[in-house]
Amino acid sequence: MIKYKIDIMEALKNAGYSRSIIKNKKIISEGVMQKICHNDTDLTLKTINTLCILLDCQPSDLIEFKFDSYVDTNINL
């Protein structure tokens, strides 16, 4: 399962990107912001790219993969 390694919203805030700035400048859609706030990692590569640009980081700084029961029950390996 893919999980966030950091609090994305807190990192954006610390980088000077409040939720209102992101919304008003249409940097990331409100729907995607809701996903991030609810720890939903079903994001597009475009969104991950945008986050990496805003936070000056690599995708591996944002997310990580860990094996769990989801892999065992939903993917035939």
C-alpha atoms as a PDB file:
ATOM      1  CA  MET A   1       0.000   0.000   0.000  1.00  0.00           C
ATOM      2  CA  ILE A   2       1.226   3.486  -0.787  1.00  0.00           C
ATOM      3  CA  LYS A   3       1.233   5.903   2.153  1.00  0.00           C
ATOM      4  CA  TYR A   4       2.303   9.473   2.706  1.00  0.00           C
ATOM      5  CA  LYS A   5       5.636   9.874   4.481  1.00  0.00           C
ATOM      6  CA  ILE A   6       4.878  13.462   5.476  1.00  0.00           C
ATOM      7  CA  ASP A   7       1.879  15.654   6.185  1.00  0.00           C
ATOM      8  CA  ILE A   8       1.493  17.149   2.710  1.00  0.00           C
ATOM      9  CA  MET A   9      -0.771  19.999   3.811  1.00  0.00           C
ATOM     10  CA  GLU A  10       1.611  20.995   6.602  1.00  0.00           C
ATOM     11  CA  ALA A  11       4.577  20.859   4.215  1.00  0.00           C
ATOM     12  CA  LEU A  12       2.730  23.062   1.701  1.00  0.00           C
ATOM     13  CA  LYS A  13       1.870  25.536   4.457  1.00  0.00           C
ATOM     14  CA  ASN A  14       5.499  25.623   5.611  1.00  0.00           C
ATOM     15  CA  ALA A  15       6.579  26.254   2.009  1.00  0.00           C
ATOM     16  CA  GLY A  16       4.256  29.275   1.814  1.00  0.00           C
ATOM     17  CA  TYR A  17       1.345  27.633   0.009  1.00  0.00           C
ATOM     18  CA  SER A  18      -1.831  27.972   2.033  1.00  0.00           C
ATOM     19  CA  ARG A  19      -4.938  26.138   0.916  1.00  0.00           C
ATOM     20  CA  SER A  20      -6.471  29.426  -0.262  1.00  0.00           C
ATOM     21  CA  ILE A  21      -3.407  30.309  -2.368  1.00  0.00           C
ATOM     22  CA  ILE A  22      -3.453  26.866  -3.986  1.00  0.00           C
ATOM     23  CA  LYS A  23      -7.189  27.167  -4.668  1.00  0.00           C
ATOM     24  CA  ASN A  24      -7.132  30.786  -5.908  1.00  0.00           C
ATOM     25  CA  LYS A  25      -4.169  30.207  -8.229  1.00  0.00           C
ATOM     26  CA  LYS A  26      -5.679  26.888  -9.366  1.00  0.00           C
ATOM     27  CA  ILE A  27      -2.434  25.055  -8.659  1.00  0.00           C
ATOM     28  CA  ILE A  28      -4.206  21.916  -7.398  1.00  0.00           C
ATOM     29  CA  SER A  29      -7.958  21.303  -7.624  1.00  0.00           C
ATOM     30  CA  GLU A  30     -10.160  21.353  -4.533  1.00  0.00           C
ATOM     31  CA  GLY A  31     -11.033  17.696  -5.121  1.00  0.00           C
ATOM     32  CA  VAL A  32      -7.377  16.699  -5.053  1.00  0.00           C
ATOM     33  CA  MET A  33      -6.810  18.837  -1.966  1.00  0.00           C
ATOM     34  CA  GLN A  34      -9.637  16.922  -0.267  1.00  0.00           C
ATOM     35  CA  LYS A  35      -7.960  13.622  -1.201  1.00  0.00           C
ATOM     36  CA  ILE A  36      -4.684  14.792   0.303  1.00  0.00           C
ATOM     37  CA  CYS A  37      -6.413  15.978   3.490  1.00  0.00           C
ATOM     38  CA  HIS A  38      -8.053  12.560   3.871  1.00  0.00           C
ATOM     39  CA  ASN A  39      -4.783  10.670   3.233  1.00  0.00           C
ATOM     40  CA  ASP A  40      -6.103   9.305  -0.058  1.00  0.00           C
ATOM     41  CA  THR A  41      -3.010   8.499  -2.141  1.00  0.00           C
ATOM     42  CA  ASP A  42      -4.908   7.975  -5.405  1.00  0.00           C
ATOM     43  CA  LEU A  43      -3.164  10.917  -7.097  1.00  0.00           C
ATOM     44  CA  THR A  44      -2.063  11.384 -10.678  1.00  0.00           C
ATOM     45  CA  LEU A  45       1.578  11.697 -11.642  1.00  0.00           C
ATOM     46  CA  LYS A  46       0.770  15.263 -12.677  1.00  0.00           C
ATOM     47  CA  THR A  47      -0.303  16.048  -9.101  1.00  0.00           C
ATOM     48  CA  ILE A  48       2.759  14.351  -7.631  1.00  0.00           C
ATOM     49  CA  ASN A  49       4.896  16.352 -10.058  1.00  0.00           C
ATOM     50  CA  THR A  50       3.201  19.583  -8.945  1.00  0.00           C
ATOM     51  CA  LEU A  51       3.736  18.725  -5.273  1.00  0.00           C
ATOM     52  CA  CYS A  52       7.405  17.983  -5.933  1.00  0.00           C
ATOM     53  CA  ILE A  53       7.829  21.348  -7.656  1.00  0.00           C
ATOM     54  CA  LEU A  54       6.074  23.242  -4.843  1.00  0.00           C
ATOM     55  CA  LEU A  55       7.972  21.416  -2.114  1.00  0.00           C
ATOM     56  CA  ASP A  56      11.300  21.129  -3.969  1.00  0.00           C
ATOM     57  CA  CYS A  57      11.477  17.391  -3.339  1.00  0.00           C
ATOM     58  CA  GLN A  58      11.410  13.949  -4.937  1.00  0.00           C
ATOM     59  CA  PRO A  59       8.347  11.637  -5.020  1.00  0.00           C
ATOM     60  CA  SER A  60      10.112   9.351  -2.543  1.00  0.00           C
ATOM     61  CA  ASP A  61      10.119  12.236  -0.066  1.00  0.00           C
ATOM     62  CA  LEU A  62       6.309  12.289  -0.212  1.00  0.00           C
ATOM     63  CA  ILE A  63       5.204   8.662  -0.482  1.00  0.00           C
ATOM     64  CA  GLU A  64       6.358   5.155   0.338  1.00  0.00           C
ATOM     65  CA  PHE A  65       5.218   1.634  -0.504  1.00  0.00           C
ATOM     66  CA  LYS A  66       4.727  -1.028   2.146  1.00  0.00           C
ATOM     67  CA  PHE A  67       3.467  -4.556   1.651  1.00  0.00           C
ATOM     68  CA  ASP A  68       0.275  -5.282   3.543  1.00  0.00           C
ATOM     69  CA  SER A  69      -2.776  -7.515   3.450  1.00  0.00           C
ATOM     70  CA  TYR A  70      -4.199  -5.563   0.487  1.00  0.00           C
ATOM     71  CA  VAL A  71      -1.401  -6.863  -1.713  1.00  0.00           C
ATOM     72  CA  ASP A  72      -1.943 -10.428  -0.518  1.00  0.00           C
ATOM     73  CA  THR A  73      -5.711 -10.426  -1.060  1.00  0.00           C
ATOM     74  CA  ASN A  74      -6.134  -8.255  -4.169  1.00  0.00           C
ATOM     75  CA  ILE A  75      -3.120  -8.979  -6.343  1.00  0.00           C
ATOM     76  CA  ASN A  76      -2.222 -12.414  -7.637  1.00  0.00           C
ATOM     77  CA  LEU A  77       1.546 -12.635  -7.439  1.00  0.00           C
END
